[in-house]
Structure formats: C-alpha cells, structure tokens
C-alpha cells in the first residue's frame, strides 16, 4: 500500500493525507582516489 501510494504521488496524483518527502541518505566520497 505504501509503495503504491508513493508511486501515485510521484506521478502527480494526490493521495489524501500523504505526501512524498526526501528520505534519509548517507554521505559518500564522490572521488575516492
């Protein structure tokens, strides 16, 4: 249900009471060498 609601929101449809937000991410080194 969560995945389907998120898919609908990301294509521009409204799901009452819910929205898409940026989730947690981890820092990375973009050029390790």
ModelCIF file with pLDDT and N, C-alpha, C, O atoms, coordinates in Angstrom:
data_MODEL
#
_entry.id   MODEL 
#
_entity.id                         1 
_entity.type                       polymer 
_entity.pdbx_number_of_molecules   1 
#
_entity_poly.entity_id                      1 
_entity_poly.type                           'polypeptide(L)' 
_entity_poly.nstd_linkage                   no 
_entity_poly.nstd_monomer                   no 
_entity_poly.pdbx_seq_one_letter_code       
;(UNK)(UNK)(UNK)(UNK)(UNK)(UNK)(UNK)(UNK)(UNK)(UNK)(UNK)(UNK)(UNK)(UNK)(UNK)(UNK)
(UNK)(UNK)(UNK)(UNK)(UNK)(UNK)(UNK)(UNK)(UNK)(UNK)(UNK)(UNK)(UNK)(UNK)(UNK)(UNK)
(UNK)
;
_entity_poly.pdbx_seq_one_letter_code_can   XXXXXXXXXXXXXXXXXXXXXXXXXXXXXXXXX 
_entity_poly.pdbx_strand_id                 A 
#
loop_
_entity_poly_seq.entity_id 
_entity_poly_seq.num 
_entity_poly_seq.mon_id 
_entity_poly_seq.hetero 
1 1  UNK n 
1 2  UNK n 
1 3  UNK n 
1 4  UNK n 
1 5  UNK n 
1 6  UNK n 
1 7  UNK n 
1 8  UNK n 
1 9  UNK n 
1 10 UNK n 
1 11 UNK n 
1 12 UNK n 
1 13 UNK n 
1 14 UNK n 
1 15 UNK n 
1 16 UNK n 
1 17 UNK n 
1 18 UNK n 
1 19 UNK n 
1 20 UNK n 
1 21 UNK n 
1 22 UNK n 
1 23 UNK n 
1 24 UNK n 
1 25 UNK n 
1 26 UNK n 
1 27 UNK n 
1 28 UNK n 
1 29 UNK n 
1 30 UNK n 
1 31 UNK n 
1 32 UNK n 
1 33 UNK n 
#
_struct_asym.id          A 
_struct_asym.entity_id   1 
#
loop_
_ma_qa_metric.id 
_ma_qa_metric.mode 
_ma_qa_metric.name 
_ma_qa_metric.software_group_id 
_ma_qa_metric.type 
1 global pLDDT . pLDDT 
2 local  pLDDT . pLDDT 
#
_ma_qa_metric_global.metric_id      1 
_ma_qa_metric_global.metric_value   83.21 
_ma_qa_metric_global.model_id       1 
_ma_qa_metric_global.ordinal_id     1 
#
loop_
_ma_qa_metric_local.label_asym_id 
_ma_qa_metric_local.label_comp_id 
_ma_qa_metric_local.label_seq_id 
_ma_qa_metric_local.metric_id 
_ma_qa_metric_local.metric_value 
_ma_qa_metric_local.model_id 
_ma_qa_metric_local.ordinal_id 
A UNK 1  2 83.00 1 1  
A UNK 2  2 84.00 1 2  
A UNK 3  2 83.00 1 3  
A UNK 4  2 84.00 1 4  
A UNK 5  2 83.00 1 5  
A UNK 6  2 85.00 1 6  
A UNK 7  2 83.00 1 7  
A UNK 8  2 83.00 1 8  
A UNK 9  2 85.00 1 9  
A UNK 10 2 84.00 1 10 
A UNK 11 2 82.00 1 11 
A UNK 12 2 87.00 1 12 
A UNK 13 2 85.00 1 13 
A UNK 14 2 88.00 1 14 
A UNK 15 2 84.00 1 15 
A UNK 16 2 86.00 1 16 
A UNK 17 2 84.00 1 17 
A UNK 18 2 83.00 1 18 
A UNK 19 2 84.00 1 19 
A UNK 20 2 83.00 1 20 
A UNK 21 2 82.00 1 21 
A UNK 22 2 82.00 1 22 
A UNK 23 2 79.00 1 23 
A UNK 24 2 80.00 1 24 
A UNK 25 2 80.00 1 25 
A UNK 26 2 83.00 1 26 
A UNK 27 2 84.00 1 27 
A UNK 28 2 84.00 1 28 
A UNK 29 2 82.00 1 29 
A UNK 30 2 83.00 1 30 
A UNK 31 2 84.00 1 31 
A UNK 32 2 79.00 1 32 
A UNK 33 2 81.00 1 33 
#
loop_
_atom_site.group_PDB 
_atom_site.id 
_atom_site.type_symbol 
_atom_site.label_atom_id 
_atom_site.label_alt_id 
_atom_site.label_comp_id 
_atom_site.label_asym_id 
_atom_site.label_entity_id 
_atom_site.label_seq_id 
_atom_site.pdbx_PDB_ins_code 
_atom_site.Cartn_x 
_atom_site.Cartn_y 
_atom_site.Cartn_z 
_atom_site.occupancy 
_atom_site.B_iso_or_equiv 
_atom_site.pdbx_formal_charge 
_atom_site.auth_seq_id 
_atom_site.auth_comp_id 
_atom_site.auth_asym_id 
_atom_site.auth_atom_id 
_atom_site.pdbx_PDB_model_num 
ATOM 1   N N  . UNK A 1 1  ? 0.832  -1.200 0.000   1.00 83.00 ? 1  UNK A N  1 
ATOM 2   C CA . UNK A 1 1  ? 0.000  0.000  0.000   1.00 83.00 ? 1  UNK A CA 1 
ATOM 3   C C  . UNK A 1 1  ? 0.871  1.257  0.000   1.00 83.00 ? 1  UNK A C  1 
ATOM 4   O O  . UNK A 1 1  ? 0.594  2.209  -0.730  1.00 83.00 ? 1  UNK A O  1 
ATOM 5   N N  . UNK A 1 2  ? 1.920  1.256  0.816   1.00 84.00 ? 2  UNK A N  1 
ATOM 6   C CA . UNK A 1 2  ? 2.826  2.405  0.883   1.00 84.00 ? 2  UNK A CA 1 
ATOM 7   C C  . UNK A 1 2  ? 3.502  2.649  -0.464  1.00 84.00 ? 2  UNK A C  1 
ATOM 8   O O  . UNK A 1 2  ? 3.575  3.784  -0.935  1.00 84.00 ? 2  UNK A O  1 
ATOM 9   N N  . UNK A 1 3  ? 3.994  1.573  -1.079  1.00 83.00 ? 3  UNK A N  1 
ATOM 10  C CA . UNK A 1 3  ? 4.679  1.713  -2.365  1.00 83.00 ? 3  UNK A CA 1 
ATOM 11  C C  . UNK A 1 3  ? 3.750  2.239  -3.445  1.00 83.00 ? 3  UNK A C  1 
ATOM 12  O O  . UNK A 1 3  ? 4.142  3.078  -4.256  1.00 83.00 ? 3  UNK A O  1 
ATOM 13  N N  . UNK A 1 4  ? 2.516  1.746  -3.456  1.00 84.00 ? 4  UNK A N  1 
ATOM 14  C CA . UNK A 1 4  ? 1.545  2.190  -4.458  1.00 84.00 ? 4  UNK A CA 1 
ATOM 15  C C  . UNK A 1 4  ? 1.195  3.660  -4.254  1.00 84.00 ? 4  UNK A C  1 
ATOM 16  O O  . UNK A 1 4  ? 1.116  4.420  -5.219  1.00 84.00 ? 4  UNK A O  1 
ATOM 17  N N  . UNK A 1 5  ? 0.985  4.063  -2.997  1.00 83.00 ? 5  UNK A N  1 
ATOM 18  C CA . UNK A 1 5  ? 0.679  5.466  -2.707  1.00 83.00 ? 5  UNK A CA 1 
ATOM 19  C C  . UNK A 1 5  ? 1.824  6.372  -3.143  1.00 83.00 ? 5  UNK A C  1 
ATOM 20  O O  . UNK A 1 5  ? 1.590  7.430  -3.728  1.00 83.00 ? 5  UNK A O  1 
ATOM 21  N N  . UNK A 1 6  ? 3.065  5.963  -2.861  1.00 85.00 ? 6  UNK A N  1 
ATOM 22  C CA . UNK A 1 6  ? 4.230  6.758  -3.244  1.00 85.00 ? 6  UNK A CA 1 
ATOM 23  C C  . UNK A 1 6  ? 4.328  6.889  -4.761  1.00 85.00 ? 6  UNK A C  1 
ATOM 24  O O  . UNK A 1 6  ? 4.616  7.970  -5.275  1.00 85.00 ? 6  UNK A O  1 
ATOM 25  N N  . UNK A 1 7  ? 4.090  5.793  -5.476  1.00 83.00 ? 7  UNK A N  1 
ATOM 26  C CA . UNK A 1 7  ? 4.119  5.830  -6.943  1.00 83.00 ? 7  UNK A CA 1 
ATOM 27  C C  . UNK A 1 7  ? 3.094  6.812  -7.484  1.00 83.00 ? 7  UNK A C  1 
ATOM 28  O O  . UNK A 1 7  ? 3.387  7.564  -8.414  1.00 83.00 ? 7  UNK A O  1 
ATOM 29  N N  . UNK A 1 8  ? 1.887  6.814  -6.911  1.00 83.00 ? 8  UNK A N  1 
ATOM 30  C CA . UNK A 1 8  ? 0.831  7.717  -7.357  1.00 83.00 ? 8  UNK A CA 1 
ATOM 31  C C  . UNK A 1 8  ? 1.216  9.179  -7.109  1.00 83.00 ? 8  UNK A C  1 
ATOM 32  O O  . UNK A 1 8  ? 0.989  10.035 -7.965  1.00 83.00 ? 8  UNK A O  1 
ATOM 33  N N  . UNK A 1 9  ? 1.790  9.459  -5.956  1.00 85.00 ? 9  UNK A N  1 
ATOM 34  C CA . UNK A 1 9  ? 2.186  10.831 -5.625  1.00 85.00 ? 9  UNK A CA 1 
ATOM 35  C C  . UNK A 1 9  ? 3.305  11.310 -6.545  1.00 85.00 ? 9  UNK A C  1 
ATOM 36  O O  . UNK A 1 9  ? 3.303  12.459 -6.986  1.00 85.00 ? 9  UNK A O  1 
ATOM 37  N N  . UNK A 1 10 ? 4.257  10.429 -6.832  1.00 84.00 ? 10 UNK A N  1 
ATOM 38  C CA . UNK A 1 10 ? 5.413  10.810 -7.657  1.00 84.00 ? 10 UNK A CA 1 
ATOM 39  C C  . UNK A 1 10 ? 5.033  11.089 -9.101  1.00 84.00 ? 10 UNK A C  1 
ATOM 40  O O  . UNK A 1 10 ? 5.766  11.787 -9.801  1.00 84.00 ? 10 UNK A O  1 
ATOM 41  N N  . UNK A 1 11 ? 3.902  10.559 -9.566  1.00 82.00 ? 11 UNK A N  1 
ATOM 42  C CA . UNK A 1 11 ? 3.463  10.859 -10.935 1.00 82.00 ? 11 UNK A CA 1 
ATOM 43  C C  . UNK A 1 11 ? 2.461  12.011 -10.953 1.00 82.00 ? 11 UNK A C  1 
ATOM 44  O O  . UNK A 1 11 ? 1.859  12.301 -11.987 1.00 82.00 ? 11 UNK A O  1 
ATOM 45  N N  . UNK A 1 12 ? 2.285  12.664 -9.809  1.00 87.00 ? 12 UNK A N  1 
ATOM 46  C CA . UNK A 1 12 ? 1.468  13.863 -9.765  1.00 87.00 ? 12 UNK A CA 1 
ATOM 47  C C  . UNK A 1 12 ? 0.057  13.691 -9.253  1.00 87.00 ? 12 UNK A C  1 
ATOM 48  O O  . UNK A 1 12 ? -0.716 14.649 -9.267  1.00 87.00 ? 12 UNK A O  1 
ATOM 49  N N  . UNK A 1 13 ? -0.307 12.499 -8.801  1.00 85.00 ? 13 UNK A N  1 
ATOM 50  C CA . UNK A 1 13 ? -1.646 12.267 -8.269  1.00 85.00 ? 13 UNK A CA 1 
ATOM 51  C C  . UNK A 1 13 ? -1.670 12.499 -6.752  1.00 85.00 ? 13 UNK A C  1 
ATOM 52  O O  . UNK A 1 13 ? -0.659 12.322 -6.071  1.00 85.00 ? 13 UNK A O  1 
ATOM 53  N N  . UNK A 1 14 ? -2.828 12.893 -6.241  1.00 88.00 ? 14 UNK A N  1 
ATOM 54  C CA . UNK A 1 14 ? -2.957 13.136 -4.804  1.00 88.00 ? 14 UNK A CA 1 
ATOM 55  C C  . UNK A 1 14 ? -3.450 11.886 -4.084  1.00 88.00 ? 14 UNK A C  1 
ATOM 56  O O  . UNK A 1 14 ? -4.337 11.181 -4.565  1.00 88.00 ? 14 UNK A O  1 
ATOM 57  N N  . UNK A 1 15 ? -2.858 11.631 -2.927  1.00 84.00 ? 15 UNK A N  1 
ATOM 58  C CA . UNK A 1 15 ? -3.324 10.579 -2.029  1.00 84.00 ? 15 UNK A CA 1 
ATOM 59  C C  . UNK A 1 15 ? -3.648 11.276 -0.712  1.00 84.00 ? 15 UNK A C  1 
ATOM 60  O O  . UNK A 1 15 ? -2.745 11.755 -0.026  1.00 84.00 ? 15 UNK A O  1 
ATOM 61  N N  . UNK A 1 16 ? -4.912 11.334 -0.358  1.00 86.00 ? 16 UNK A N  1 
ATOM 62  C CA . UNK A 1 16 ? -5.359 12.138 0.769   1.00 86.00 ? 16 UNK A CA 1 
ATOM 63  C C  . UNK A 1 16 ? -4.608 11.798 2.059   1.00 86.00 ? 16 UNK A C  1 
ATOM 64  O O  . UNK A 1 16 ? -4.566 10.646 2.492   1.00 86.00 ? 16 UNK A O  1 
ATOM 65  N N  . UNK A 1 17 ? -4.018 12.833 2.655   1.00 84.00 ? 17 UNK A N  1 
ATOM 66  C CA . UNK A 1 17 ? -3.328 12.663 3.928   1.00 84.00 ? 17 UNK A CA 1 
ATOM 67  C C  . UNK A 1 17 ? -1.865 12.276 3.815   1.00 84.00 ? 17 UNK A C  1 
ATOM 68  O O  . UNK A 1 17 ? -1.193 12.078 4.827   1.00 84.00 ? 17 UNK A O  1 
ATOM 69  N N  . UNK A 1 18 ? -1.359 12.164 2.576   1.00 83.00 ? 18 UNK A N  1 
ATOM 70  C CA . UNK A 1 18 ? 0.016  11.699 2.405   1.00 83.00 ? 18 UNK A CA 1 
ATOM 71  C C  . UNK A 1 18 ? 0.764  12.552 1.383   1.00 83.00 ? 18 UNK A C  1 
ATOM 72  O O  . UNK A 1 18 ? 0.154  13.155 0.500   1.00 83.00 ? 18 UNK A O  1 
ATOM 73  N N  . UNK A 1 19 ? 2.086  12.596 1.510   1.00 84.00 ? 19 UNK A N  1 
ATOM 74  C CA . UNK A 1 19 ? 2.941  13.312 0.573   1.00 84.00 ? 19 UNK A CA 1 
ATOM 75  C C  . UNK A 1 19 ? 4.281  12.587 0.461   1.00 84.00 ? 19 UNK A C  1 
ATOM 76  O O  . UNK A 1 19 ? 4.583  11.713 1.274   1.00 84.00 ? 19 UNK A O  1 
ATOM 77  N N  . UNK A 1 20 ? 5.068  12.936 -0.518  1.00 83.00 ? 20 UNK A N  1 
ATOM 78  C CA . UNK A 1 20 ? 6.405  12.366 -0.692  1.00 83.00 ? 20 UNK A CA 1 
ATOM 79  C C  . UNK A 1 20 ? 7.441  13.338 -0.142  1.00 83.00 ? 20 UNK A C  1 
ATOM 80  O O  . UNK A 1 20 ? 7.377  14.535 -0.424  1.00 83.00 ? 20 UNK A O  1 
ATOM 81  N N  . UNK A 1 21 ? 8.386  12.840 0.632   1.00 82.00 ? 21 UNK A N  1 
ATOM 82  C CA . UNK A 1 21 ? 9.450  13.675 1.183   1.00 82.00 ? 21 UNK A CA 1 
ATOM 83  C C  . UNK A 1 21 ? 10.791 13.001 0.889   1.00 82.00 ? 21 UNK A C  1 
ATOM 84  O O  . UNK A 1 21 ? 10.844 11.839 0.487   1.00 82.00 ? 21 UNK A O  1 
ATOM 85  N N  . UNK A 1 22 ? 11.854 13.743 1.097   1.00 82.00 ? 22 UNK A N  1 
ATOM 86  C CA . UNK A 1 22 ? 13.190 13.192 0.882   1.00 82.00 ? 22 UNK A CA 1 
ATOM 87  C C  . UNK A 1 22 ? 13.578 12.329 2.071   1.00 82.00 ? 22 UNK A C  1 
ATOM 88  O O  . UNK A 1 22 ? 13.533 12.779 3.216   1.00 82.00 ? 22 UNK A O  1 
ATOM 89  N N  . UNK A 1 23 ? 13.956 11.095 1.798   1.00 79.00 ? 23 UNK A N  1 
ATOM 90  C CA . UNK A 1 23 ? 14.328 10.177 2.860   1.00 79.00 ? 23 UNK A CA 1 
ATOM 91  C C  . UNK A 1 23 ? 15.761 10.368 3.320   1.00 79.00 ? 23 UNK A C  1 
ATOM 92  O O  . UNK A 1 23 ? 16.495 11.212 2.806   1.00 79.00 ? 23 UNK A O  1 
ATOM 93  N N  . UNK A 1 24 ? 16.134 9.575  4.286   1.00 80.00 ? 24 UNK A N  1 
ATOM 94  C CA . UNK A 1 24 ? 17.481 9.648  4.838   1.00 80.00 ? 24 UNK A CA 1 
ATOM 95  C C  . UNK A 1 24 ? 18.496 9.117  3.833   1.00 80.00 ? 24 UNK A C  1 
ATOM 96  O O  . UNK A 1 24 ? 18.213 8.165  3.106   1.00 80.00 ? 24 UNK A O  1 
ATOM 97  N N  . UNK A 1 25 ? 19.666 9.725  3.791   1.00 80.00 ? 25 UNK A N  1 
ATOM 98  C CA . UNK A 1 25 ? 20.737 9.239  2.916   1.00 80.00 ? 25 UNK A CA 1 
ATOM 99  C C  . UNK A 1 25 ? 22.064 9.306  3.668   1.00 80.00 ? 25 UNK A C  1 
ATOM 100 O O  . UNK A 1 25 ? 22.180 10.005 4.675   1.00 80.00 ? 25 UNK A O  1 
ATOM 101 N N  . UNK A 1 26 ? 23.049 8.587  3.179   1.00 83.00 ? 26 UNK A N  1 
ATOM 102 C CA . UNK A 1 26 ? 24.371 8.554  3.814   1.00 83.00 ? 26 UNK A CA 1 
ATOM 103 C C  . UNK A 1 26 ? 25.382 9.319  2.966   1.00 83.00 ? 26 UNK A C  1 
ATOM 104 O O  . UNK A 1 26 ? 25.293 9.351  1.739   1.00 83.00 ? 26 UNK A O  1 
ATOM 105 N N  . UNK A 1 27 ? 26.328 9.923  3.641   1.00 84.00 ? 27 UNK A N  1 
ATOM 106 C CA . UNK A 1 27 ? 27.386 10.655 2.932   1.00 84.00 ? 27 UNK A CA 1 
ATOM 107 C C  . UNK A 1 27 ? 28.281 9.678  2.164   1.00 84.00 ? 27 UNK A C  1 
ATOM 108 O O  . UNK A 1 27 ? 28.541 8.565  2.621   1.00 84.00 ? 27 UNK A O  1 
ATOM 109 N N  . UNK A 1 28 ? 28.741 10.111 1.004   1.00 84.00 ? 28 UNK A N  1 
ATOM 110 C CA . UNK A 1 28 ? 29.662 9.296  0.209   1.00 84.00 ? 28 UNK A CA 1 
ATOM 111 C C  . UNK A 1 28 ? 30.807 10.178 -0.290  1.00 84.00 ? 28 UNK A C  1 
ATOM 112 O O  . UNK A 1 28 ? 30.675 11.400 -0.356  1.00 84.00 ? 28 UNK A O  1 
ATOM 113 N N  . UNK A 1 29 ? 31.924 9.553  -0.638  1.00 82.00 ? 29 UNK A N  1 
ATOM 114 C CA . UNK A 1 29 ? 33.051 10.267 -1.249  1.00 82.00 ? 29 UNK A CA 1 
ATOM 115 C C  . UNK A 1 29 ? 32.919 10.098 -2.755  1.00 82.00 ? 29 UNK A C  1 
ATOM 116 O O  . UNK A 1 29 ? 33.000 8.975  -3.253  1.00 82.00 ? 29 UNK A O  1 
ATOM 117 N N  . UNK A 1 30 ? 32.721 11.175 -3.484  1.00 83.00 ? 30 UNK A N  1 
ATOM 118 C CA . UNK A 1 30 ? 32.439 11.066 -4.915  1.00 83.00 ? 30 UNK A CA 1 
ATOM 119 C C  . UNK A 1 30 ? 33.670 10.733 -5.752  1.00 83.00 ? 30 UNK A C  1 
ATOM 120 O O  . UNK A 1 30 ? 33.526 10.212 -6.858  1.00 83.00 ? 30 UNK A O  1 
ATOM 121 N N  . UNK A 1 31 ? 34.876 11.016 -5.258  1.00 84.00 ? 31 UNK A N  1 
ATOM 122 C CA . UNK A 1 31 ? 36.115 10.641 -5.955  1.00 84.00 ? 31 UNK A CA 1 
ATOM 123 C C  . UNK A 1 31 ? 37.083 10.096 -4.906  1.00 84.00 ? 31 UNK A C  1 
ATOM 124 O O  . UNK A 1 31 ? 37.888 10.840 -4.346  1.00 84.00 ? 31 UNK A O  1 
ATOM 125 N N  . UNK A 1 32 ? 36.997 8.792  -4.647  1.00 79.00 ? 32 UNK A N  1 
ATOM 126 C CA . UNK A 1 32 ? 37.770 8.168  -3.574  1.00 79.00 ? 32 UNK A CA 1 
ATOM 127 C C  . UNK A 1 32 ? 39.269 8.318  -3.807  1.00 79.00 ? 32 UNK A C  1 
ATOM 128 O O  . UNK A 1 32 ? 40.007 8.668  -2.887  1.00 79.00 ? 32 UNK A O  1 
ATOM 129 N N  . UNK A 1 33 ? 39.727 8.053  -5.038  1.00 81.00 ? 33 UNK A N  1 
ATOM 130 C CA . UNK A 1 33 ? 41.173 8.117  -5.334  1.00 81.00 ? 33 UNK A CA 1 
ATOM 131 C C  . UNK A 1 33 ? 41.738 9.510  -5.063  1.00 81.00 ? 33 UNK A C  1 
ATOM 132 O O  . UNK A 1 33 ? 42.932 9.740  -5.257  1.00 81.00 ? 33 UNK A O  1 
#
